[in-house]
Amino acid sequence: MSLGERGRSALKWTAVAVIAVVIVLVCFAAFFDWNLARGPVARMIGRQLDRPVQISELRVVLLSSHPSISVSGLTIGNPSWAGSGPMATIGRIRLQLRLLPLLKGQIVLPYVDIEKPDLHLYADRQGQANWEFGHATPAERSKPTKLPIVRRVYISQGNLEMKDEQRKLEIGRASCRERV
């Protein structure tokens, strides 16, 4: 066997191995029970937000013309200085993703549906707000946040309570019962 034949043979087996790995990864993504990952996903989000996060149910559909993520029973806790109780509970949030922009590093969400959000927003006299996440310095907080592109947002059966002690602003309980 000449060196050229060995090179072609090695190239052929390398291509077969790469295709096999891709097929295994696609099958894993398609058939994996993503609900098993809800604990690690909640902890990862909690580390980013610097507060406790709980997820009751996580569903991911990747092999679809409209890939989507659905999270049920999402609870985001308050920072320690803001007292006990959750800052937010959301009955269910469904996100639809566009894959092509995601491969370019851009998040595009054509559809976001939020059901039964219950938000308790609080800012103390020093200006600390429970809706500011992580360990950002004041200089970092002044920079604009890179947000995903969102085409449509639907919110149904939501409640909002807000208290800002620095601005002496209070919203007792604002509710939305219809889909907006």
N, C-alpha and C. Protein backbone atom coordinates (compact mmCIF):
# COMPACT_ATOMS: atom_id res chain seq x y z
N MET A 1 0.85 -1.17 0.00
CA MET A 1 0.00 0.00 0.00
C MET A 1 0.90 1.23 0.00
N SER A 2 0.68 2.15 -0.94
CA SER A 2 1.51 3.34 -1.04
C SER A 2 1.05 4.38 -0.03
N LEU A 3 1.87 5.40 0.12
CA LEU A 3 1.57 6.48 1.07
C LEU A 3 0.29 7.21 0.67
N GLY A 4 0.07 7.39 -0.63
CA GLY A 4 -1.15 8.05 -1.11
C GLY A 4 -2.40 7.28 -0.76
N GLU A 5 -2.33 5.95 -0.91
CA GLU A 5 -3.48 5.11 -0.57
C GLU A 5 -3.74 5.15 0.93
N ARG A 6 -2.64 5.11 1.73
CA ARG A 6 -2.80 5.19 3.19
C ARG A 6 -3.42 6.52 3.60
N GLY A 7 -3.01 7.60 2.95
CA GLY A 7 -3.55 8.92 3.26
C GLY A 7 -5.03 9.00 2.94
N ARG A 8 -5.43 8.45 1.78
CA ARG A 8 -6.85 8.45 1.42
C ARG A 8 -7.65 7.58 2.38
N SER A 9 -7.08 6.45 2.76
CA SER A 9 -7.76 5.56 3.70
C SER A 9 -7.93 6.23 5.06
N ALA A 10 -6.88 6.91 5.53
CA ALA A 10 -6.97 7.61 6.82
C ALA A 10 -7.99 8.74 6.74
N LEU A 11 -8.00 9.46 5.62
CA LEU A 11 -8.96 10.54 5.44
C LEU A 11 -10.40 10.00 5.43
N LYS A 12 -10.60 8.86 4.77
CA LYS A 12 -11.92 8.24 4.71
C LYS A 12 -12.39 7.85 6.11
N TRP A 13 -11.51 7.21 6.90
CA TRP A 13 -11.89 6.79 8.25
C TRP A 13 -12.08 7.99 9.18
N THR A 14 -11.33 9.04 8.97
CA THR A 14 -11.52 10.27 9.76
C THR A 14 -12.90 10.87 9.46
N ALA A 15 -13.26 10.93 8.19
CA ALA A 15 -14.57 11.46 7.80
C ALA A 15 -15.69 10.61 8.39
N VAL A 16 -15.55 9.28 8.34
CA VAL A 16 -16.54 8.38 8.91
C VAL A 16 -16.67 8.63 10.41
N ALA A 17 -15.55 8.80 11.10
CA ALA A 17 -15.57 9.04 12.56
C ALA A 17 -16.26 10.37 12.88
N VAL A 18 -15.95 11.41 12.11
CA VAL A 18 -16.57 12.72 12.36
C VAL A 18 -18.07 12.64 12.13
N ILE A 19 -18.49 12.00 11.05
CA ILE A 19 -19.93 11.86 10.77
C ILE A 19 -20.61 11.05 11.87
N ALA A 20 -19.97 10.02 12.36
CA ALA A 20 -20.54 9.19 13.44
C ALA A 20 -20.71 10.02 14.71
N VAL A 21 -19.71 10.83 15.04
CA VAL A 21 -19.80 11.68 16.24
C VAL A 21 -20.95 12.67 16.09
N VAL A 22 -21.09 13.28 14.92
CA VAL A 22 -22.18 14.23 14.68
C VAL A 22 -23.53 13.53 14.83
N ILE A 23 -23.67 12.35 14.28
CA ILE A 23 -24.93 11.60 14.39
C ILE A 23 -25.23 11.28 15.84
N VAL A 24 -24.24 10.85 16.59
CA VAL A 24 -24.44 10.54 18.01
C VAL A 24 -24.87 11.79 18.77
N LEU A 25 -24.24 12.95 18.51
CA LEU A 25 -24.60 14.19 19.20
C LEU A 25 -26.02 14.63 18.85
N VAL A 26 -26.40 14.52 17.58
CA VAL A 26 -27.75 14.89 17.17
C VAL A 26 -28.77 13.97 17.83
N CYS A 27 -28.50 12.68 17.85
CA CYS A 27 -29.42 11.73 18.51
C CYS A 27 -29.51 12.01 20.01
N PHE A 28 -28.39 12.31 20.63
CA PHE A 28 -28.40 12.64 22.06
C PHE A 28 -29.27 13.86 22.31
N ALA A 29 -29.07 14.93 21.51
CA ALA A 29 -29.85 16.15 21.69
C ALA A 29 -31.33 15.91 21.45
N ALA A 30 -31.65 15.04 20.50
CA ALA A 30 -33.04 14.79 20.16
C ALA A 30 -33.76 13.95 21.19
N PHE A 31 -33.08 12.98 21.76
CA PHE A 31 -33.75 12.01 22.63
C PHE A 31 -33.43 12.15 24.11
N PHE A 32 -32.54 13.07 24.48
CA PHE A 32 -32.17 13.27 25.87
C PHE A 32 -33.36 13.83 26.65
N ASP A 33 -33.58 13.34 27.84
CA ASP A 33 -34.64 13.86 28.71
C ASP A 33 -34.08 15.09 29.42
N TRP A 34 -34.31 16.26 28.83
CA TRP A 34 -33.74 17.51 29.35
C TRP A 34 -34.26 17.83 30.74
N ASN A 35 -35.38 17.24 31.14
CA ASN A 35 -35.89 17.49 32.48
C ASN A 35 -34.91 17.01 33.55
N LEU A 36 -34.08 16.01 33.19
CA LEU A 36 -33.05 15.54 34.13
C LEU A 36 -32.00 16.62 34.39
N ALA A 37 -31.87 17.58 33.49
CA ALA A 37 -30.87 18.63 33.62
C ALA A 37 -31.39 19.87 34.33
N ARG A 38 -32.65 19.85 34.80
CA ARG A 38 -33.22 21.06 35.38
C ARG A 38 -32.46 21.53 36.63
N GLY A 39 -31.98 20.60 37.45
CA GLY A 39 -31.21 20.99 38.63
C GLY A 39 -29.91 21.68 38.27
N PRO A 40 -29.06 21.05 37.43
CA PRO A 40 -27.83 21.73 37.03
C PRO A 40 -28.07 23.05 36.28
N VAL A 41 -29.12 23.10 35.45
CA VAL A 41 -29.43 24.34 34.73
C VAL A 41 -29.84 25.42 35.73
N ALA A 42 -30.66 25.08 36.71
CA ALA A 42 -31.09 26.05 37.73
C ALA A 42 -29.89 26.55 38.53
N ARG A 43 -28.97 25.65 38.89
CA ARG A 43 -27.78 26.08 39.63
C ARG A 43 -26.90 26.99 38.79
N MET A 44 -26.75 26.69 37.50
CA MET A 44 -25.95 27.52 36.61
C MET A 44 -26.57 28.92 36.50
N ILE A 45 -27.88 28.99 36.31
CA ILE A 45 -28.56 30.29 36.23
C ILE A 45 -28.44 31.01 37.57
N GLY A 46 -28.59 30.27 38.67
CA GLY A 46 -28.48 30.87 40.00
C GLY A 46 -27.11 31.48 40.25
N ARG A 47 -26.05 30.83 39.76
CA ARG A 47 -24.71 31.40 39.91
C ARG A 47 -24.58 32.70 39.11
N GLN A 48 -25.16 32.73 37.92
CA GLN A 48 -25.11 33.93 37.09
C GLN A 48 -25.90 35.07 37.72
N LEU A 49 -27.04 34.75 38.31
CA LEU A 49 -27.90 35.77 38.91
C LEU A 49 -27.52 36.09 40.35
N ASP A 50 -26.71 35.24 40.96
CA ASP A 50 -26.29 35.38 42.36
C ASP A 50 -27.48 35.30 43.31
N ARG A 51 -28.32 34.31 43.07
CA ARG A 51 -29.46 34.05 43.95
C ARG A 51 -30.04 32.67 43.65
N PRO A 52 -30.83 32.13 44.54
CA PRO A 52 -31.37 30.79 44.29
C PRO A 52 -32.38 30.78 43.15
N VAL A 53 -32.31 29.70 42.35
CA VAL A 53 -33.23 29.50 41.24
C VAL A 53 -33.71 28.06 41.30
N GLN A 54 -35.00 27.87 41.09
CA GLN A 54 -35.57 26.52 41.03
C GLN A 54 -36.38 26.38 39.75
N ILE A 55 -36.30 25.18 39.17
CA ILE A 55 -37.07 24.86 37.97
C ILE A 55 -37.79 23.54 38.24
N SER A 56 -39.11 23.52 38.06
CA SER A 56 -39.87 22.29 38.27
C SER A 56 -39.83 21.37 37.05
N GLU A 57 -39.85 21.98 35.85
CA GLU A 57 -39.87 21.16 34.64
C GLU A 57 -39.15 21.90 33.52
N LEU A 58 -38.33 21.15 32.78
CA LEU A 58 -37.57 21.71 31.66
C LEU A 58 -37.77 20.83 30.43
N ARG A 59 -38.24 21.43 29.35
CA ARG A 59 -38.41 20.70 28.09
C ARG A 59 -37.67 21.46 26.99
N VAL A 60 -36.91 20.71 26.21
CA VAL A 60 -36.16 21.29 25.10
C VAL A 60 -36.47 20.48 23.85
N VAL A 61 -36.85 21.17 22.79
CA VAL A 61 -37.10 20.54 21.50
C VAL A 61 -36.15 21.19 20.50
N LEU A 62 -35.11 20.45 20.10
CA LEU A 62 -34.11 21.00 19.20
C LEU A 62 -34.31 20.60 17.75
N LEU A 63 -34.71 19.35 17.52
CA LEU A 63 -34.89 18.89 16.16
C LEU A 63 -36.31 19.20 15.70
N SER A 64 -36.49 20.43 15.27
CA SER A 64 -37.80 20.90 14.85
C SER A 64 -37.58 22.10 13.93
N SER A 65 -38.59 22.40 13.13
CA SER A 65 -38.49 23.61 12.33
C SER A 65 -38.58 24.85 13.21
N HIS A 66 -39.10 24.67 14.44
CA HIS A 66 -39.20 25.75 15.41
C HIS A 66 -38.66 25.26 16.76
N PRO A 67 -37.33 25.19 16.94
CA PRO A 67 -36.78 24.73 18.21
C PRO A 67 -37.30 25.58 19.36
N SER A 68 -37.54 24.94 20.51
CA SER A 68 -38.12 25.67 21.63
C SER A 68 -37.62 25.14 22.97
N ILE A 69 -37.77 26.00 23.97
CA ILE A 69 -37.46 25.65 25.36
C ILE A 69 -38.68 26.04 26.18
N SER A 70 -39.10 25.15 27.06
CA SER A 70 -40.23 25.43 27.94
C SER A 70 -39.79 25.14 29.38
N VAL A 71 -39.99 26.13 30.24
CA VAL A 71 -39.64 25.99 31.66
C VAL A 71 -40.90 26.21 32.46
N SER A 72 -41.25 25.26 33.31
CA SER A 72 -42.41 25.39 34.19
C SER A 72 -41.94 25.45 35.63
N GLY A 73 -42.68 26.20 36.43
CA GLY A 73 -42.35 26.30 37.85
C GLY A 73 -41.01 26.97 38.11
N LEU A 74 -40.77 28.10 37.44
CA LEU A 74 -39.51 28.84 37.62
C LEU A 74 -39.65 29.78 38.82
N THR A 75 -38.73 29.67 39.77
CA THR A 75 -38.70 30.55 40.93
C THR A 75 -37.32 31.16 41.04
N ILE A 76 -37.28 32.50 41.15
CA ILE A 76 -36.02 33.22 41.33
C ILE A 76 -36.09 33.91 42.69
N GLY A 77 -35.17 33.58 43.56
CA GLY A 77 -35.17 34.11 44.91
C GLY A 77 -34.66 35.54 44.98
N ASN A 78 -34.84 36.13 46.15
CA ASN A 78 -34.33 37.47 46.42
C ASN A 78 -32.87 37.39 46.87
N PRO A 79 -32.11 38.47 46.69
CA PRO A 79 -30.79 38.52 47.32
C PRO A 79 -30.98 38.57 48.84
N SER A 80 -29.96 38.21 49.58
CA SER A 80 -30.09 38.11 51.05
C SER A 80 -30.52 39.42 51.70
N TRP A 81 -30.10 40.57 51.18
CA TRP A 81 -30.44 41.85 51.78
C TRP A 81 -31.91 42.24 51.56
N ALA A 82 -32.61 41.60 50.61
CA ALA A 82 -33.98 41.98 50.26
C ALA A 82 -35.04 41.19 51.03
N GLY A 83 -34.63 40.33 51.94
CA GLY A 83 -35.60 39.57 52.71
C GLY A 83 -35.91 38.23 52.08
N SER A 84 -36.80 37.50 52.76
CA SER A 84 -37.12 36.16 52.29
C SER A 84 -38.21 36.21 51.23
N GLY A 85 -38.47 35.08 50.66
CA GLY A 85 -39.51 34.98 49.63
C GLY A 85 -38.91 35.17 48.25
N PRO A 86 -39.63 34.74 47.25
CA PRO A 86 -39.10 34.85 45.90
C PRO A 86 -39.25 36.26 45.32
N MET A 87 -38.32 36.63 44.47
CA MET A 87 -38.45 37.86 43.70
C MET A 87 -39.43 37.63 42.55
N ALA A 88 -39.38 36.41 41.98
CA ALA A 88 -40.25 36.09 40.85
C ALA A 88 -40.62 34.62 40.85
N THR A 89 -41.85 34.35 40.54
CA THR A 89 -42.29 32.99 40.22
C THR A 89 -43.00 33.09 38.88
N ILE A 90 -42.74 32.11 38.03
CA ILE A 90 -43.36 32.08 36.71
C ILE A 90 -43.93 30.69 36.51
N GLY A 91 -45.23 30.64 36.23
CA GLY A 91 -45.88 29.34 36.01
C GLY A 91 -45.23 28.60 34.86
N ARG A 92 -45.10 29.29 33.72
CA ARG A 92 -44.43 28.67 32.57
C ARG A 92 -43.92 29.77 31.65
N ILE A 93 -42.75 29.53 31.09
CA ILE A 93 -42.20 30.40 30.06
C ILE A 93 -41.78 29.53 28.89
N ARG A 94 -42.24 29.91 27.71
CA ARG A 94 -41.89 29.17 26.49
C ARG A 94 -41.14 30.11 25.56
N LEU A 95 -40.00 29.65 25.08
CA LEU A 95 -39.17 30.42 24.16
C LEU A 95 -39.00 29.64 22.87
N GLN A 96 -39.16 30.32 21.78
CA GLN A 96 -38.87 29.71 20.48
C GLN A 96 -37.55 30.32 19.99
N LEU A 97 -36.67 29.48 19.46
CA LEU A 97 -35.34 29.92 19.03
C LEU A 97 -35.19 29.85 17.52
N ARG A 98 -34.31 30.67 16.99
CA ARG A 98 -33.90 30.54 15.60
C ARG A 98 -32.48 30.01 15.62
N LEU A 99 -32.26 28.86 14.98
CA LEU A 99 -30.97 28.18 15.04
C LEU A 99 -29.86 28.87 14.26
N LEU A 100 -30.14 29.34 13.05
CA LEU A 100 -29.09 29.92 12.22
C LEU A 100 -28.40 31.10 12.91
N PRO A 101 -29.14 32.08 13.45
CA PRO A 101 -28.46 33.16 14.17
C PRO A 101 -27.70 32.66 15.40
N LEU A 102 -28.22 31.60 16.04
CA LEU A 102 -27.56 31.05 17.22
C LEU A 102 -26.18 30.52 16.87
N LEU A 103 -26.04 29.93 15.69
CA LEU A 103 -24.74 29.44 15.24
C LEU A 103 -23.75 30.58 15.02
N LYS A 104 -24.27 31.79 14.81
CA LYS A 104 -23.43 32.98 14.64
C LYS A 104 -23.19 33.71 15.97
N GLY A 105 -23.74 33.16 17.07
CA GLY A 105 -23.55 33.78 18.38
C GLY A 105 -24.61 34.81 18.73
N GLN A 106 -25.69 34.88 17.96
CA GLN A 106 -26.74 35.84 18.22
C GLN A 106 -28.00 35.09 18.63
N ILE A 107 -28.64 35.56 19.69
CA ILE A 107 -29.87 34.92 20.16
C ILE A 107 -31.06 35.68 19.59
N VAL A 108 -31.89 34.97 18.82
CA VAL A 108 -33.11 35.54 18.27
C VAL A 108 -34.27 34.67 18.75
N LEU A 109 -35.21 35.31 19.43
CA LEU A 109 -36.39 34.63 19.96
C LEU A 109 -37.62 35.16 19.23
N PRO A 110 -38.13 34.42 18.25
CA PRO A 110 -39.32 34.90 17.54
C PRO A 110 -40.56 34.95 18.43
N TYR A 111 -40.56 34.19 19.52
CA TYR A 111 -41.78 34.03 20.31
C TYR A 111 -41.39 33.77 21.77
N VAL A 112 -41.95 34.55 22.68
CA VAL A 112 -41.79 34.33 24.12
C VAL A 112 -43.19 34.40 24.73
N ASP A 113 -43.57 33.35 25.44
CA ASP A 113 -44.88 33.28 26.08
C ASP A 113 -44.68 33.05 27.57
N ILE A 114 -45.12 34.00 28.38
CA ILE A 114 -44.94 33.94 29.83
C ILE A 114 -46.31 33.81 30.48
N GLU A 115 -46.51 32.72 31.22
CA GLU A 115 -47.79 32.48 31.88
C GLU A 115 -47.63 32.58 33.40
N LYS A 116 -48.54 33.28 34.02
CA LYS A 116 -48.62 33.43 35.47
C LYS A 116 -47.33 33.94 36.11
N PRO A 117 -46.77 35.05 35.61
CA PRO A 117 -45.62 35.63 36.32
C PRO A 117 -46.11 36.37 37.56
N ASP A 118 -45.38 36.26 38.63
CA ASP A 118 -45.68 36.94 39.88
C ASP A 118 -44.38 37.60 40.33
N LEU A 119 -44.27 38.92 40.15
CA LEU A 119 -43.02 39.65 40.41
C LEU A 119 -43.16 40.52 41.66
N HIS A 120 -42.14 40.46 42.51
CA HIS A 120 -42.06 41.28 43.72
C HIS A 120 -40.75 42.05 43.63
N LEU A 121 -40.82 43.28 43.13
CA LEU A 121 -39.63 44.09 42.91
C LEU A 121 -39.44 45.04 44.08
N TYR A 122 -38.18 45.16 44.51
CA TYR A 122 -37.88 45.97 45.69
C TYR A 122 -36.54 46.66 45.52
N ALA A 123 -36.50 47.95 45.88
CA ALA A 123 -35.25 48.71 45.93
C ALA A 123 -35.18 49.38 47.29
N ASP A 124 -34.03 49.27 47.95
CA ASP A 124 -33.90 49.84 49.29
C ASP A 124 -33.48 51.32 49.21
N ARG A 125 -33.28 51.94 50.37
CA ARG A 125 -32.93 53.37 50.43
C ARG A 125 -31.56 53.67 49.81
N GLN A 126 -30.67 52.68 49.80
CA GLN A 126 -29.34 52.87 49.21
C GLN A 126 -29.34 52.69 47.69
N GLY A 127 -30.46 52.31 47.13
CA GLY A 127 -30.56 52.14 45.68
C GLY A 127 -30.30 50.72 45.20
N GLN A 128 -30.06 49.78 46.12
CA GLN A 128 -29.92 48.38 45.70
C GLN A 128 -31.28 47.87 45.26
N ALA A 129 -31.32 47.25 44.11
CA ALA A 129 -32.59 46.75 43.57
C ALA A 129 -32.49 45.25 43.36
N ASN A 130 -33.55 44.53 43.74
CA ASN A 130 -33.51 43.07 43.61
C ASN A 130 -33.61 42.62 42.16
N TRP A 131 -33.88 43.51 41.23
CA TRP A 131 -33.91 43.15 39.81
C TRP A 131 -32.56 43.36 39.13
N GLU A 132 -31.55 43.78 39.89
CA GLU A 132 -30.18 43.87 39.38
C GLU A 132 -29.47 42.59 39.81
N PHE A 133 -28.94 41.86 38.83
CA PHE A 133 -28.41 40.54 39.09
C PHE A 133 -26.89 40.52 39.06
N GLY A 134 -26.33 39.53 39.76
CA GLY A 134 -24.90 39.29 39.72
C GLY A 134 -24.12 40.23 40.63
N HIS A 135 -22.82 40.29 40.39
CA HIS A 135 -21.90 41.08 41.22
C HIS A 135 -21.38 42.29 40.45
N ALA A 136 -22.20 42.90 39.64
CA ALA A 136 -21.74 44.01 38.81
C ALA A 136 -21.40 45.23 39.65
N THR A 137 -20.30 45.88 39.29
CA THR A 137 -19.92 47.15 39.93
C THR A 137 -20.79 48.25 39.33
N PRO A 138 -20.86 49.42 39.99
CA PRO A 138 -21.66 50.51 39.40
C PRO A 138 -21.21 50.87 37.98
N ALA A 139 -19.92 50.80 37.70
CA ALA A 139 -19.43 51.10 36.34
C ALA A 139 -19.93 50.06 35.35
N GLU A 140 -19.93 48.78 35.77
CA GLU A 140 -20.42 47.72 34.89
C GLU A 140 -21.92 47.84 34.65
N ARG A 141 -22.66 48.25 35.69
CA ARG A 141 -24.11 48.39 35.56
C ARG A 141 -24.49 49.54 34.64
N SER A 142 -23.60 50.52 34.47
CA SER A 142 -23.91 51.66 33.61
C SER A 142 -23.78 51.31 32.13
N LYS A 143 -23.09 50.20 31.82
CA LYS A 143 -22.95 49.78 30.43
C LYS A 143 -24.25 49.13 29.96
N PRO A 144 -24.59 49.29 28.69
CA PRO A 144 -25.82 48.65 28.20
C PRO A 144 -25.71 47.13 28.22
N THR A 145 -26.81 46.49 28.52
CA THR A 145 -26.87 45.04 28.56
C THR A 145 -27.11 44.51 27.15
N LYS A 146 -26.40 43.44 26.79
CA LYS A 146 -26.62 42.81 25.49
C LYS A 146 -27.80 41.84 25.65
N LEU A 147 -28.92 42.21 25.06
CA LEU A 147 -30.14 41.43 25.17
C LEU A 147 -30.41 40.68 23.87
N PRO A 148 -31.14 39.58 23.94
CA PRO A 148 -31.50 38.87 22.72
C PRO A 148 -32.54 39.67 21.92
N ILE A 149 -32.63 39.37 20.65
CA ILE A 149 -33.67 39.96 19.81
C ILE A 149 -34.95 39.16 20.05
N VAL A 150 -36.00 39.87 20.45
CA VAL A 150 -37.28 39.22 20.74
C VAL A 150 -38.33 39.82 19.81
N ARG A 151 -39.00 38.97 19.04
CA ARG A 151 -39.99 39.44 18.07
C ARG A 151 -41.37 39.66 18.71
N ARG A 152 -41.89 38.67 19.44
CA ARG A 152 -43.21 38.76 20.06
C ARG A 152 -43.14 38.26 21.50
N VAL A 153 -43.80 38.97 22.41
CA VAL A 153 -43.87 38.57 23.81
C VAL A 153 -45.34 38.56 24.21
N TYR A 154 -45.76 37.46 24.81
CA TYR A 154 -47.11 37.35 25.33
C TYR A 154 -47.00 37.10 26.84
N ILE A 155 -47.81 37.82 27.60
CA ILE A 155 -47.85 37.65 29.05
C ILE A 155 -49.31 37.45 29.44
N SER A 156 -49.57 36.43 30.24
CA SER A 156 -50.95 36.20 30.68
C SER A 156 -50.97 35.90 32.18
N GLN A 157 -52.03 36.39 32.82
CA GLN A 157 -52.30 36.13 34.24
C GLN A 157 -51.12 36.51 35.12
N GLY A 158 -50.65 37.74 34.98
CA GLY A 158 -49.48 38.18 35.73
C GLY A 158 -49.82 39.15 36.84
N ASN A 159 -48.92 39.21 37.83
CA ASN A 159 -49.03 40.14 38.96
C ASN A 159 -47.70 40.83 39.18
N LEU A 160 -47.77 42.10 39.56
CA LEU A 160 -46.57 42.87 39.84
C LEU A 160 -46.78 43.67 41.11
N GLU A 161 -45.83 43.55 42.03
CA GLU A 161 -45.77 44.42 43.21
C GLU A 161 -44.40 45.07 43.19
N MET A 162 -44.35 46.37 43.48
CA MET A 162 -43.07 47.07 43.47
C MET A 162 -43.01 48.08 44.59
N LYS A 163 -41.83 48.13 45.22
CA LYS A 163 -41.59 49.12 46.27
C LYS A 163 -40.18 49.64 46.09
N ASP A 164 -40.06 50.95 45.91
CA ASP A 164 -38.76 51.61 45.77
C ASP A 164 -38.67 52.64 46.88
N GLU A 165 -37.91 52.31 47.94
CA GLU A 165 -37.83 53.18 49.11
C GLU A 165 -37.07 54.46 48.82
N GLN A 166 -36.11 54.43 47.91
CA GLN A 166 -35.33 55.62 47.59
C GLN A 166 -36.19 56.66 46.87
N ARG A 167 -37.02 56.23 45.96
CA ARG A 167 -37.87 57.13 45.18
C ARG A 167 -39.26 57.29 45.81
N LYS A 168 -39.51 56.59 46.92
CA LYS A 168 -40.81 56.61 47.59
C LYS A 168 -41.94 56.27 46.61
N LEU A 169 -41.73 55.16 45.90
CA LEU A 169 -42.67 54.69 44.90
C LEU A 169 -43.17 53.32 45.31
N GLU A 170 -44.47 53.12 45.23
CA GLU A 170 -45.03 51.81 45.58
C GLU A 170 -46.19 51.48 44.66
N ILE A 171 -46.14 50.30 44.11
CA ILE A 171 -47.25 49.75 43.33
C ILE A 171 -47.75 48.56 44.11
N GLY A 172 -48.96 48.66 44.65
CA GLY A 172 -49.48 47.62 45.52
C GLY A 172 -49.59 46.26 44.84
N ARG A 173 -50.40 46.15 43.83
CA ARG A 173 -50.52 44.88 43.10
C ARG A 173 -51.21 45.19 41.78
N ALA A 174 -50.43 45.15 40.73
CA ALA A 174 -50.98 45.35 39.38
C ALA A 174 -51.12 43.98 38.75
N SER A 175 -52.26 43.72 38.17
CA SER A 175 -52.53 42.40 37.61
C SER A 175 -52.95 42.50 36.15
N CYS A 176 -52.62 41.46 35.43
CA CYS A 176 -53.11 41.32 34.06
C CYS A 176 -53.68 39.93 33.95
N ARG A 177 -54.95 39.84 33.66
CA ARG A 177 -55.62 38.55 33.58
C ARG A 177 -55.72 38.03 32.15
N GLU A 178 -55.74 38.94 31.19
CA GLU A 178 -55.84 38.55 29.78
C GLU A 178 -54.45 38.46 29.19
N ARG A 179 -54.37 37.84 28.05
CA ARG A 179 -53.10 37.73 27.33
C ARG A 179 -52.78 39.07 26.68
N VAL A 180 -51.63 39.63 26.98
CA VAL A 180 -51.21 40.90 26.37
C VAL A 180 -49.93 40.71 25.60
